[in-house]
N, C-alpha and C. Protein backbone atom coordinates (compact mmCIF):
# COMPACT_ATOMS: atom_id res chain seq x y z
N MET A 1 85.04 90.15 101.79
CA MET A 1 84.74 91.18 102.73
C MET A 1 85.90 91.28 103.73
N ALA A 2 86.51 92.43 103.84
CA ALA A 2 87.59 92.64 104.79
C ALA A 2 87.04 92.69 106.21
N ILE A 3 87.85 92.27 107.15
CA ILE A 3 87.43 92.29 108.55
C ILE A 3 87.36 93.73 109.02
N ASP A 4 86.25 94.07 109.63
CA ASP A 4 85.95 95.44 110.02
C ASP A 4 85.63 95.48 111.51
N ALA A 5 86.16 96.49 112.20
CA ALA A 5 85.94 96.60 113.65
C ALA A 5 84.46 96.70 113.99
N GLN A 6 83.71 97.48 113.23
CA GLN A 6 82.27 97.63 113.52
C GLN A 6 81.54 96.31 113.32
N ALA A 7 81.85 95.60 112.26
CA ALA A 7 81.20 94.31 112.00
C ALA A 7 81.54 93.31 113.10
N LEU A 8 82.80 93.31 113.56
CA LEU A 8 83.18 92.41 114.65
C LEU A 8 82.44 92.79 115.93
N ALA A 9 82.35 94.08 116.21
CA ALA A 9 81.62 94.54 117.39
C ALA A 9 80.15 94.12 117.32
N ASP A 10 79.56 94.27 116.14
CA ASP A 10 78.16 93.87 115.97
C ASP A 10 77.98 92.37 116.20
N SER A 11 78.90 91.57 115.68
CA SER A 11 78.76 90.12 115.84
C SER A 11 78.96 89.69 117.28
N LEU A 12 79.72 90.47 118.05
CA LEU A 12 79.95 90.16 119.46
C LEU A 12 78.96 90.88 120.38
N HIS A 13 78.06 91.67 119.78
CA HIS A 13 77.05 92.43 120.54
C HIS A 13 77.72 93.37 121.55
N ILE A 14 78.76 94.07 121.08
CA ILE A 14 79.49 95.01 121.91
C ILE A 14 78.99 96.41 121.59
N ASP A 15 78.65 97.17 122.62
CA ASP A 15 78.31 98.58 122.42
C ASP A 15 79.59 99.31 122.04
N THR A 16 79.51 100.10 121.00
CA THR A 16 80.74 100.71 120.49
C THR A 16 80.76 102.22 120.69
N ASP A 17 81.94 102.70 120.87
CA ASP A 17 82.24 104.12 120.81
C ASP A 17 83.59 104.20 120.09
N VAL A 18 84.11 105.38 119.94
CA VAL A 18 85.36 105.56 119.19
C VAL A 18 86.49 104.75 119.81
N THR A 19 86.58 104.76 121.14
CA THR A 19 87.65 104.04 121.83
C THR A 19 87.53 102.53 121.63
N GLU A 20 86.32 102.02 121.75
CA GLU A 20 86.09 100.58 121.60
C GLU A 20 86.40 100.13 120.17
N LEU A 21 86.00 100.91 119.18
CA LEU A 21 86.30 100.57 117.79
C LEU A 21 87.79 100.62 117.51
N ALA A 22 88.48 101.58 118.11
CA ALA A 22 89.94 101.66 117.95
C ALA A 22 90.60 100.43 118.56
N THR A 23 90.12 100.01 119.72
CA THR A 23 90.66 98.81 120.36
C THR A 23 90.43 97.59 119.49
N LEU A 24 89.21 97.43 118.99
CA LEU A 24 88.92 96.28 118.12
C LEU A 24 89.78 96.32 116.85
N ASN A 25 89.96 97.49 116.28
CA ASN A 25 90.79 97.61 115.09
C ASN A 25 92.22 97.18 115.39
N ASP A 26 92.77 97.62 116.52
CA ASP A 26 94.12 97.22 116.90
C ASP A 26 94.22 95.71 117.10
N LEU A 27 93.19 95.12 117.70
CA LEU A 27 93.19 93.68 117.92
C LEU A 27 93.09 92.91 116.60
N ILE A 28 92.35 93.44 115.64
CA ILE A 28 92.26 92.82 114.32
C ILE A 28 93.63 92.86 113.63
N VAL A 29 94.31 94.00 113.71
CA VAL A 29 95.64 94.13 113.11
C VAL A 29 96.59 93.13 113.76
N THR A 30 96.56 93.04 115.09
CA THR A 30 97.42 92.09 115.80
C THR A 30 97.09 90.65 115.40
N ALA A 31 95.81 90.34 115.33
CA ALA A 31 95.39 88.98 114.96
C ALA A 31 95.85 88.63 113.55
N LYS A 32 95.76 89.58 112.61
CA LYS A 32 96.22 89.32 111.24
C LYS A 32 97.70 88.99 111.23
N ILE A 33 98.48 89.76 111.97
CA ILE A 33 99.92 89.53 112.01
C ILE A 33 100.22 88.16 112.62
N LEU A 34 99.55 87.83 113.71
CA LEU A 34 99.79 86.53 114.36
C LEU A 34 99.40 85.37 113.45
N VAL A 35 98.28 85.49 112.77
CA VAL A 35 97.85 84.40 111.87
C VAL A 35 98.83 84.28 110.70
N LYS A 36 99.21 85.41 110.09
CA LYS A 36 100.18 85.36 108.99
C LYS A 36 101.48 84.71 109.43
N ASP A 37 102.00 85.12 110.59
CA ASP A 37 103.25 84.56 111.08
C ASP A 37 103.11 83.09 111.43
N SER A 38 101.97 82.69 111.94
CA SER A 38 101.75 81.30 112.31
C SER A 38 101.64 80.40 111.09
N VAL A 39 101.03 80.91 110.04
CA VAL A 39 100.88 80.12 108.82
C VAL A 39 102.23 79.99 108.11
N ALA A 40 103.06 81.01 108.22
CA ALA A 40 104.41 81.00 107.64
C ALA A 40 104.37 80.76 106.13
N TYR A 41 103.48 81.44 105.46
CA TYR A 41 103.40 81.39 104.00
C TYR A 41 103.78 82.78 103.51
N SER A 42 104.94 82.90 102.93
CA SER A 42 105.53 84.22 102.63
C SER A 42 104.64 85.10 101.76
N GLN A 43 103.84 84.52 100.89
CA GLN A 43 103.01 85.33 100.01
C GLN A 43 101.88 86.05 100.76
N LEU A 44 101.53 85.59 101.97
CA LEU A 44 100.50 86.29 102.74
C LEU A 44 100.93 87.72 103.06
N ASP A 45 102.24 87.93 103.22
CA ASP A 45 102.74 89.27 103.56
C ASP A 45 102.54 90.28 102.44
N THR A 46 102.47 89.81 101.21
CA THR A 46 102.34 90.72 100.08
C THR A 46 100.90 90.84 99.58
N MET A 47 100.01 90.08 100.17
CA MET A 47 98.61 90.09 99.73
C MET A 47 97.88 91.29 100.31
N THR A 48 96.98 91.87 99.52
CA THR A 48 96.15 92.98 99.97
C THR A 48 95.02 92.44 100.84
N ASP A 49 94.32 93.33 101.53
CA ASP A 49 93.17 92.91 102.34
C ASP A 49 92.11 92.23 101.48
N ASP A 50 91.92 92.73 100.26
CA ASP A 50 90.93 92.11 99.36
C ASP A 50 91.34 90.69 98.99
N GLN A 51 92.64 90.48 98.75
CA GLN A 51 93.11 89.14 98.43
C GLN A 51 92.99 88.21 99.63
N LEU A 52 93.30 88.73 100.81
CA LEU A 52 93.16 87.92 102.02
C LEU A 52 91.70 87.58 102.28
N SER A 53 90.81 88.50 101.95
CA SER A 53 89.38 88.26 102.14
C SER A 53 88.86 87.14 101.25
N ALA A 54 89.58 86.85 100.19
CA ALA A 54 89.19 85.76 99.29
C ALA A 54 89.51 84.39 99.90
N ILE A 55 90.17 84.39 101.05
CA ILE A 55 90.49 83.15 101.75
C ILE A 55 89.64 83.14 103.02
N PRO A 56 88.43 82.59 102.95
CA PRO A 56 87.51 82.64 104.08
C PRO A 56 88.10 82.07 105.38
N LEU A 57 88.92 81.05 105.27
CA LEU A 57 89.51 80.46 106.46
C LEU A 57 90.48 81.43 107.14
N PHE A 58 91.16 82.25 106.36
CA PHE A 58 92.04 83.27 106.94
C PHE A 58 91.21 84.27 107.74
N GLU A 59 90.14 84.75 107.14
CA GLU A 59 89.27 85.70 107.84
C GLU A 59 88.68 85.10 109.10
N SER A 60 88.27 83.85 109.04
CA SER A 60 87.70 83.19 110.22
C SER A 60 88.73 83.09 111.34
N ALA A 61 89.96 82.76 110.98
CA ALA A 61 91.03 82.66 111.98
C ALA A 61 91.30 84.02 112.62
N VAL A 62 91.33 85.06 111.80
CA VAL A 62 91.58 86.40 112.33
C VAL A 62 90.44 86.84 113.24
N LYS A 63 89.20 86.62 112.82
CA LYS A 63 88.05 86.99 113.65
C LYS A 63 88.07 86.24 114.98
N ALA A 64 88.34 84.94 114.91
CA ALA A 64 88.36 84.13 116.14
C ALA A 64 89.48 84.60 117.08
N LEU A 65 90.64 84.89 116.52
CA LEU A 65 91.75 85.34 117.35
C LEU A 65 91.51 86.74 117.90
N ALA A 66 90.97 87.63 117.09
CA ALA A 66 90.65 88.99 117.57
C ALA A 66 89.62 88.93 118.69
N THR A 67 88.65 88.04 118.56
CA THR A 67 87.65 87.86 119.61
C THR A 67 88.31 87.36 120.90
N ALA A 68 89.17 86.37 120.77
CA ALA A 68 89.87 85.84 121.95
C ALA A 68 90.72 86.93 122.60
N LEU A 69 91.39 87.73 121.79
CA LEU A 69 92.21 88.82 122.32
C LEU A 69 91.35 89.89 122.99
N TYR A 70 90.15 90.10 122.49
CA TYR A 70 89.27 91.09 123.10
C TYR A 70 88.93 90.69 124.54
N TYR A 71 88.64 89.42 124.72
CA TYR A 71 88.22 88.96 126.05
C TYR A 71 89.40 88.58 126.95
N ASP A 72 90.55 88.29 126.37
CA ASP A 72 91.72 87.91 127.17
C ASP A 72 92.96 88.43 126.44
N ARG A 73 93.32 89.67 126.70
CA ARG A 73 94.39 90.34 125.96
C ARG A 73 95.73 89.63 126.04
N THR A 74 95.94 88.85 127.08
CA THR A 74 97.23 88.16 127.23
C THR A 74 97.20 86.74 126.68
N LEU A 75 96.04 86.30 126.24
CA LEU A 75 95.86 84.91 125.82
C LEU A 75 96.45 83.98 126.86
N SER A 76 96.04 84.18 128.11
CA SER A 76 96.59 83.44 129.23
C SER A 76 96.43 81.93 129.09
N ASN A 77 95.46 81.49 128.32
CA ASN A 77 95.29 80.05 128.06
C ASN A 77 95.89 79.63 126.73
N GLY A 78 96.66 80.51 126.13
CA GLY A 78 97.28 80.20 124.83
C GLY A 78 96.33 80.49 123.68
N MET A 79 96.76 80.09 122.51
CA MET A 79 95.97 80.28 121.29
C MET A 79 94.73 79.40 121.38
N PRO A 80 93.55 79.95 121.07
CA PRO A 80 92.34 79.12 121.10
C PRO A 80 92.47 77.92 120.16
N LYS A 81 91.92 76.80 120.58
CA LYS A 81 92.01 75.56 119.78
C LYS A 81 91.45 75.75 118.38
N ALA A 82 90.35 76.49 118.26
CA ALA A 82 89.75 76.71 116.94
C ALA A 82 90.72 77.44 116.02
N VAL A 83 91.45 78.40 116.56
CA VAL A 83 92.42 79.14 115.75
C VAL A 83 93.57 78.21 115.36
N ASP A 84 94.03 77.39 116.30
CA ASP A 84 95.08 76.41 115.98
C ASP A 84 94.67 75.51 114.82
N ILE A 85 93.43 75.05 114.87
CA ILE A 85 92.93 74.16 113.81
C ILE A 85 92.90 74.89 112.47
N MET A 86 92.41 76.13 112.48
CA MET A 86 92.34 76.90 111.23
C MET A 86 93.75 77.18 110.67
N ILE A 87 94.69 77.46 111.54
CA ILE A 87 96.07 77.71 111.09
C ILE A 87 96.66 76.46 110.46
N VAL A 88 96.43 75.31 111.06
CA VAL A 88 96.93 74.05 110.50
C VAL A 88 96.34 73.83 109.10
N HIS A 89 95.06 74.10 108.96
CA HIS A 89 94.42 73.93 107.64
C HIS A 89 94.96 74.95 106.63
N LEU A 90 95.18 76.18 107.07
CA LEU A 90 95.76 77.18 106.17
C LEU A 90 97.18 76.77 105.75
N GLN A 91 97.96 76.25 106.67
CA GLN A 91 99.30 75.79 106.34
C GLN A 91 99.25 74.69 105.28
N GLY A 92 98.35 73.75 105.46
CA GLY A 92 98.21 72.67 104.48
C GLY A 92 97.72 73.19 103.13
N ARG A 93 96.80 74.11 103.16
CA ARG A 93 96.20 74.63 101.93
C ARG A 93 97.15 75.55 101.17
N LEU A 94 97.90 76.37 101.92
CA LEU A 94 98.75 77.37 101.27
C LEU A 94 100.21 76.95 101.14
N GLY A 95 100.56 75.86 101.79
CA GLY A 95 101.94 75.39 101.68
C GLY A 95 102.89 75.98 102.68
N GLY A 96 102.36 76.52 103.79
CA GLY A 96 103.23 77.04 104.83
C GLY A 96 103.89 75.91 105.59
N ILE A 97 104.61 76.27 106.65
CA ILE A 97 105.34 75.26 107.43
C ILE A 97 104.37 74.33 108.10
């Protein structure tokens, strides 16, 4: 299952409108890029959303990071610890740095 702005909004109990969904979608895109770059596994860049969805830990990291970005757009406290842990596991599993 690909990460979807409406599904993320529902899981966070956020009332949605077009603007809010657009914001969540942008945050999901940003979170995907950050997770891919953090894992540093070159094949992630060529994978489709369906292929990425087959890696549950990737989706969990993106959802957690998108949620953190929703509540703190600057990540003033840095990357959430849970996301750090998931990235480390993805690096070990996929062979990234």
